Amino acid sequence: MTQAPTPTVDTVRRLARSLLEDSGHGTGASAALDVRPADDGADPTTWRVGTRYVLHLAPDRATGVRWRRELRLREVVRPHVSVALPVAMAQGEWAPGLLCTLETRLPGGTAEENTASAVGETDLAGLLTGLHQVPVRQAESLGVPRVPPRSLETLRRAAGEAVELLDKADEFEAARLRQFTQAATVQLAAQAGSAVLVHHALTGGNLVVGPDGRVRGVLGWDTAVVGDPAEDIAGLARAVGAPAAVRAATLAGYGARPCLRGLWLARCDCVIHLAEAFVHNATASLPLLRTRLRRAWEPIMLERVTDLRDSDAAP
């Protein structure tokens, strides 16, 4: 396995300048190029290049394979969605066998920084609609894996153990999970033939939201799968809150069954992840995990629905 060197500001600046020149967007030999890590990681893989570009450095070959697939997948998805996706300007190797890509930077903040408005929920609905329209065979031909739907009963049991730990830590009332019964997991089972292209990482960090609340773009397509559309509804519940996620999914044509399935996927995931953070003493991650938990457990009117018809399975 290729051992990735530690990137430095100087090496990244030279690499970015070279890629910009290759793409025909060179800054000139004398122009200063502002380069800085996009996050606080010890070995950053994403760097901001000026105000218009982002440079990604694959830390290993496997990541490079996923990123190459992402570049092809985004071009397939782009015509089907109204939100922006990054555009690859140039690519190459930043170390032997390790991919680097220079891409446009989408203007705006994250869903952690800016709150999606009612119009932003319409943007999210358009995203879900577009994903449903992408031909599954075309996505799979690019190497996008098909993933079976998760068992809600297995998840419910794991969440049951997690909420007991959180209850003792005064983080969550275990009684709140009791409304999610074994009978409900059967009723909310994924329907046969409902698989679609799923982004599978609709986190707050991957949603680009403007100060006006519009969802301007979506990042992080390297983990996309063909599978259960409720997973993306769950992702939105964690990122923008359960009511907004369900409203967006409903606007996209999804009925009660996938909406409620997504809601409970999100809720169970959140209590499990928060409990794991406590067990492993991952204190740095607790604020974000608590925020996701709060969002996913926001009440929605749809929870009162009791008649889930098969016609509600997909748009």
Protein backbone atom coordinates (compact mmCIF):
# COMPACT_ATOMS: atom_id res chain seq x y z
CA MET A 1 0.00 0.00 0.00
CA THR A 2 1.26 3.47 -0.92
CA GLN A 3 2.07 5.52 2.18
CA ALA A 4 0.74 9.02 1.67
CA PRO A 5 3.24 11.79 2.49
CA THR A 6 2.17 14.64 4.73
CA PRO A 7 0.97 17.55 2.56
CA THR A 8 2.37 20.99 3.30
CA VAL A 9 1.12 24.40 2.28
CA ASP A 10 4.05 24.87 -0.11
CA THR A 11 3.61 21.53 -1.88
CA VAL A 12 -0.16 22.03 -2.13
CA ARG A 13 0.33 25.55 -3.52
CA ARG A 14 2.68 24.28 -6.22
CA LEU A 15 0.31 21.43 -7.06
CA ALA A 16 -2.72 23.73 -7.21
CA ARG A 17 -0.88 26.20 -9.45
CA SER A 18 0.11 23.40 -11.81
CA LEU A 19 -3.45 22.04 -12.00
CA LEU A 20 -4.88 25.51 -12.58
CA GLU A 21 -2.46 26.05 -15.46
CA ASP A 22 -3.33 22.64 -16.92
CA SER A 23 -7.03 23.57 -16.82
CA GLY A 24 -6.41 26.92 -18.51
CA HIS A 25 -7.17 28.88 -15.34
CA GLY A 26 -3.60 29.73 -14.33
CA THR A 27 -3.01 32.62 -11.93
CA GLY A 28 0.26 33.80 -13.39
CA ALA A 29 3.76 33.22 -12.06
CA SER A 30 3.75 36.28 -9.81
CA ALA A 31 0.23 35.96 -8.43
CA ALA A 32 -0.10 34.94 -4.81
CA LEU A 33 -2.20 31.81 -4.35
CA ASP A 34 -4.02 31.56 -1.02
CA VAL A 35 -4.04 27.90 0.02
CA ARG A 36 -5.30 26.60 3.36
CA PRO A 37 -6.71 23.36 4.82
CA ALA A 38 -10.50 23.13 4.65
CA ASP A 39 -10.67 21.46 8.06
CA ASP A 40 -8.65 21.06 11.24
CA GLY A 41 -7.40 17.52 10.58
CA ALA A 42 -3.78 16.67 11.30
CA ASP A 43 -3.27 15.44 7.71
CA PRO A 44 -5.81 17.41 5.68
CA THR A 45 -7.03 15.87 2.44
CA THR A 46 -9.14 18.87 1.37
CA TRP A 47 -7.65 22.30 0.74
CA ARG A 48 -9.24 25.59 -0.23
CA VAL A 49 -7.51 27.25 -3.16
CA GLY A 50 -8.38 30.92 -3.25
CA THR A 51 -12.12 31.57 -3.10
CA ARG A 52 -13.15 29.57 -6.17
CA TYR A 53 -11.56 26.13 -5.95
CA VAL A 54 -11.06 23.12 -3.70
CA LEU A 55 -8.21 20.63 -3.99
CA HIS A 56 -8.78 17.05 -2.83
CA LEU A 57 -5.84 14.75 -2.04
CA ALA A 58 -6.68 11.04 -1.87
CA PRO A 59 -4.94 9.52 1.18
CA ASP A 60 -4.86 6.04 -0.38
CA ARG A 61 -5.61 4.17 -3.60
CA ALA A 62 -9.04 2.93 -2.44
CA THR A 63 -10.18 6.49 -1.83
CA GLY A 64 -8.90 7.44 -5.27
CA VAL A 65 -11.01 4.71 -6.85
CA ARG A 66 -14.14 6.03 -5.09
CA TRP A 67 -13.35 9.59 -6.13
CA ARG A 68 -12.93 8.63 -9.78
CA ARG A 69 -16.31 6.91 -9.63
CA GLU A 70 -17.76 10.03 -8.01
CA LEU A 71 -16.55 12.21 -10.87
CA ARG A 72 -18.39 10.02 -13.38
CA LEU A 73 -21.49 9.69 -11.21
CA ARG A 74 -21.86 13.44 -10.73
CA GLU A 75 -22.07 13.90 -14.50
CA VAL A 76 -24.85 11.32 -14.63
CA VAL A 77 -26.75 12.96 -11.76
CA ARG A 78 -26.24 16.59 -12.81
CA PRO A 79 -29.01 16.75 -15.47
CA HIS A 80 -31.57 15.33 -13.03
CA VAL A 81 -31.14 17.75 -10.11
CA SER A 82 -31.57 21.50 -9.76
CA VAL A 83 -28.97 21.95 -7.01
CA ALA A 84 -25.35 22.49 -7.99
CA LEU A 85 -22.68 19.81 -7.92
CA PRO A 86 -18.93 20.53 -7.96
CA VAL A 87 -17.25 20.62 -11.37
CA ALA A 88 -13.88 18.90 -11.76
CA MET A 89 -11.38 21.31 -13.35
CA ALA A 90 -8.31 19.05 -13.43
CA GLN A 91 -6.94 15.87 -11.92
CA GLY A 92 -3.60 14.15 -11.55
CA GLU A 93 -1.41 12.48 -8.93
CA TRP A 94 -0.08 14.32 -5.92
CA ALA A 95 2.05 11.33 -4.89
CA PRO A 96 2.80 8.06 -6.75
CA GLY A 97 -0.53 6.30 -7.31
CA LEU A 98 -2.55 8.84 -5.30
CA LEU A 99 -5.25 10.87 -7.04
CA CYS A 100 -5.78 14.59 -6.65
CA THR A 101 -8.67 16.60 -8.08
CA LEU A 102 -9.15 20.34 -8.42
CA GLU A 103 -12.83 21.27 -8.30
CA THR A 104 -15.01 24.35 -8.21
CA ARG A 105 -16.02 25.50 -4.76
CA LEU A 106 -19.76 25.88 -4.24
CA PRO A 107 -20.58 29.22 -2.57
CA GLY A 108 -22.47 29.09 0.72
CA GLY A 109 -22.20 27.58 4.15
CA THR A 110 -23.16 24.19 5.48
CA ALA A 111 -26.51 23.09 6.91
CA GLU A 112 -24.77 23.28 10.30
CA GLU A 113 -24.17 27.01 9.72
CA ASN A 114 -27.28 28.09 7.81
CA THR A 115 -30.85 26.85 8.29
CA ALA A 116 -32.71 25.58 5.25
CA SER A 117 -35.80 27.69 4.54
CA ALA A 118 -39.17 26.56 3.18
CA VAL A 119 -37.82 27.19 -0.31
CA GLY A 120 -34.73 25.23 0.68
CA GLU A 121 -36.99 22.29 1.48
CA THR A 122 -38.26 22.54 -2.09
CA ASP A 123 -34.64 22.33 -3.24
CA LEU A 124 -34.22 19.15 -1.18
CA ALA A 125 -37.41 17.75 -2.68
CA GLY A 126 -35.94 18.35 -6.14
CA LEU A 127 -32.79 16.51 -5.09
CA LEU A 128 -34.75 13.45 -3.93
CA THR A 129 -36.86 13.53 -7.09
CA GLY A 130 -33.77 13.73 -9.27
CA LEU A 131 -32.08 10.81 -7.52
CA HIS A 132 -35.18 8.70 -8.13
CA GLN A 133 -34.99 9.58 -11.84
CA VAL A 134 -31.38 8.46 -12.35
CA PRO A 135 -31.45 5.09 -14.17
CA VAL A 136 -30.33 2.46 -11.68
CA ARG A 137 -28.57 0.39 -14.36
CA GLN A 138 -26.58 3.42 -15.46
CA ALA A 139 -25.43 4.08 -11.91
CA GLU A 140 -24.47 0.44 -11.39
CA SER A 141 -22.53 0.43 -14.67
CA LEU A 142 -20.24 3.04 -13.09
CA GLY A 143 -19.52 0.73 -10.17
CA VAL A 144 -22.04 2.15 -7.71
CA PRO A 145 -22.73 -0.78 -5.35
CA ARG A 146 -26.19 -2.15 -4.61
CA VAL A 147 -26.88 -2.32 -0.86
CA PRO A 148 -29.82 -4.20 0.70
CA PRO A 149 -32.14 -2.30 3.05
CA ARG A 150 -31.28 -2.44 6.72
CA SER A 151 -33.37 -4.40 9.19
CA LEU A 152 -35.37 -2.01 11.34
CA GLU A 153 -35.86 -4.70 13.98
CA THR A 154 -32.11 -5.23 14.32
CA LEU A 155 -31.65 -1.48 14.54
CA ARG A 156 -34.47 -1.15 17.08
CA ARG A 157 -32.83 -3.70 19.37
CA ALA A 158 -29.46 -1.95 19.18
CA ALA A 159 -31.14 1.38 19.86
CA GLY A 160 -32.89 -0.15 22.87
CA GLU A 161 -29.55 -0.96 24.46
CA ALA A 162 -28.19 2.47 23.56
CA VAL A 163 -31.04 4.43 25.13
CA GLU A 164 -30.60 2.61 28.43
CA LEU A 165 -27.01 3.86 28.58
CA LEU A 166 -28.05 7.37 27.55
CA ASP A 167 -30.85 7.38 30.12
CA LYS A 168 -28.36 6.64 32.90
CA ALA A 169 -26.21 9.51 31.62
CA ASP A 170 -29.24 11.87 31.62
CA GLU A 171 -28.86 12.34 27.87
CA PHE A 172 -32.08 10.73 26.64
CA GLU A 173 -35.26 9.25 28.12
CA ALA A 174 -35.38 5.56 27.26
CA ALA A 175 -39.19 5.62 27.37
CA ARG A 176 -39.27 7.70 24.17
CA LEU A 177 -38.18 4.69 22.12
CA ARG A 178 -41.05 2.50 23.35
CA GLN A 179 -43.41 3.92 20.75
CA PHE A 180 -41.27 2.18 18.12
CA THR A 181 -42.54 -1.37 18.48
CA GLN A 182 -41.64 -4.62 16.77
CA ALA A 183 -44.94 -4.44 14.91
CA ALA A 184 -43.93 -1.03 13.57
CA THR A 185 -40.65 -2.41 12.18
CA VAL A 186 -42.66 -4.96 10.21
CA GLN A 187 -45.08 -2.34 8.94
CA LEU A 188 -42.23 -0.05 7.88
CA ALA A 189 -40.15 -2.73 6.13
CA ALA A 190 -38.64 -1.61 2.81
CA GLN A 191 -40.80 -2.54 -0.16
CA ALA A 192 -39.53 -4.81 -2.93
CA GLY A 193 -38.44 -3.03 -6.09
CA SER A 194 -38.02 0.35 -4.39
CA ALA A 195 -34.25 0.65 -4.81
CA VAL A 196 -33.01 3.96 -6.27
CA LEU A 197 -29.76 5.87 -6.42
CA VAL A 198 -29.09 6.99 -2.84
CA HIS A 199 -26.60 9.74 -1.94
CA HIS A 200 -26.11 7.99 1.42
CA ALA A 201 -24.25 10.87 3.07
CA LEU A 202 -26.69 13.78 3.29
CA THR A 203 -25.02 15.25 6.35
CA GLY A 204 -25.14 18.88 7.31
CA GLY A 205 -21.56 19.23 6.07
CA ASN A 206 -22.43 17.95 2.60
CA LEU A 207 -25.41 20.29 2.11
CA VAL A 208 -24.39 23.73 0.86
CA VAL A 209 -26.93 26.25 2.17
CA GLY A 210 -26.94 29.95 1.39
CA PRO A 211 -27.66 32.75 3.89
CA ASP A 212 -31.16 32.92 2.38
CA GLY A 213 -31.86 29.30 3.33
CA ARG A 214 -31.73 27.96 -0.23
CA VAL A 215 -29.91 24.66 -0.69
CA ARG A 216 -27.33 25.64 -3.28
CA GLY A 217 -25.40 22.41 -3.72
CA VAL A 218 -24.60 18.90 -2.54
CA LEU A 219 -21.13 17.45 -1.88
CA GLY A 220 -19.81 14.01 -0.93
CA TRP A 221 -21.02 11.68 -3.69
CA ASP A 222 -18.28 9.05 -3.23
CA THR A 223 -20.38 6.89 -0.89
CA ALA A 224 -23.47 6.76 -3.12
CA VAL A 225 -25.22 3.40 -3.43
CA VAL A 226 -28.22 1.85 -5.13
CA GLY A 227 -30.59 1.01 -2.32
CA ASP A 228 -33.21 2.18 0.14
CA PRO A 229 -34.43 5.77 -0.52
CA ALA A 230 -35.39 6.03 3.16
CA GLU A 231 -31.67 6.30 3.94
CA ASP A 232 -31.55 9.74 2.32
CA ILE A 233 -34.70 10.79 4.16
CA ALA A 234 -32.94 9.68 7.34
CA GLY A 235 -29.88 11.70 6.39
CA LEU A 236 -32.00 14.81 5.95
CA ALA A 237 -33.72 14.22 9.29
CA ARG A 238 -30.32 14.29 10.99
CA ALA A 239 -29.12 17.27 8.93
CA VAL A 240 -32.12 19.63 8.78
CA GLY A 241 -34.61 18.12 11.24
CA ALA A 242 -37.37 15.52 10.97
CA PRO A 243 -40.21 17.91 9.97
CA ALA A 244 -38.20 19.50 7.15
CA ALA A 245 -36.99 16.11 5.93
CA VAL A 246 -40.48 14.66 5.82
CA ARG A 247 -41.89 17.75 4.11
CA ALA A 248 -39.16 17.53 1.45
CA ALA A 249 -39.74 13.81 0.94
CA THR A 250 -43.49 14.35 0.68
CA LEU A 251 -42.97 17.08 -1.92
CA ALA A 252 -40.81 14.60 -3.81
CA GLY A 253 -43.74 12.18 -3.94
CA TYR A 254 -42.80 9.79 -1.17
CA GLY A 255 -45.66 8.49 0.96
CA ALA A 256 -46.00 7.75 4.65
CA ARG A 257 -44.15 4.42 4.67
CA PRO A 258 -40.71 5.56 3.37
CA CYS A 259 -40.98 8.83 5.31
CA LEU A 260 -41.61 7.08 8.62
CA ARG A 261 -39.02 4.43 7.80
CA GLY A 262 -36.46 7.17 7.21
CA LEU A 263 -37.49 8.89 10.43
CA TRP A 264 -36.86 5.77 12.52
CA LEU A 265 -33.64 4.92 10.74
CA ALA A 266 -32.40 8.38 11.72
CA ARG A 267 -33.64 8.20 15.31
CA CYS A 268 -32.13 4.80 15.98
CA ASP A 269 -28.84 5.75 14.33
CA CYS A 270 -28.60 8.90 16.44
CA VAL A 271 -29.06 7.22 19.82
CA ILE A 272 -26.65 4.44 18.83
CA HIS A 273 -23.96 6.86 17.66
CA LEU A 274 -24.30 9.06 20.74
CA ALA A 275 -24.06 6.05 23.05
CA GLU A 276 -20.95 4.84 21.20
CA ALA A 277 -19.36 8.26 21.69
CA PHE A 278 -19.95 8.01 25.43
CA VAL A 279 -18.52 4.49 25.58
CA HIS A 280 -15.37 5.56 23.72
CA ASN A 281 -15.13 8.92 25.51
CA ALA A 282 -15.24 10.77 22.18
CA THR A 283 -16.05 14.09 23.81
CA ALA A 284 -15.17 16.19 20.75
CA SER A 285 -17.98 14.61 18.75
CA LEU A 286 -20.68 14.95 21.41
CA PRO A 287 -22.01 18.44 20.46
CA LEU A 288 -22.68 17.47 16.84
CA LEU A 289 -24.16 14.08 17.82
CA ARG A 290 -26.47 15.77 20.33
CA THR A 291 -27.61 18.21 17.66
CA ARG A 292 -28.35 15.39 15.24
CA LEU A 293 -30.26 13.53 17.94
CA ARG A 294 -32.37 16.58 18.70
CA ARG A 295 -33.16 17.14 15.03
CA ALA A 296 -34.08 13.51 14.32
CA TRP A 297 -36.40 13.36 17.34
CA GLU A 298 -38.35 16.49 16.50
CA PRO A 299 -42.04 15.47 16.42
CA ILE A 300 -43.94 15.33 13.14
CA MET A 301 -47.66 15.06 12.39
CA LEU A 302 -47.07 12.02 10.16
CA GLU A 303 -46.34 9.89 13.23
CA ARG A 304 -50.10 9.77 13.81
CA VAL A 305 -50.62 7.95 10.51
CA THR A 306 -51.68 4.36 11.08
CA ASP A 307 -52.81 3.23 7.61
CA LEU A 308 -49.66 2.67 5.55
CA ARG A 309 -50.69 1.47 2.12
CA ASP A 310 -48.42 -0.27 -0.35
CA SER A 311 -49.05 2.62 -2.74
CA ASP A 312 -47.07 4.84 -0.38
CA ALA A 313 -43.85 2.93 -1.04
CA ALA A 314 -42.29 5.18 -3.68
CA PRO A 315 -43.04 8.19 -5.86
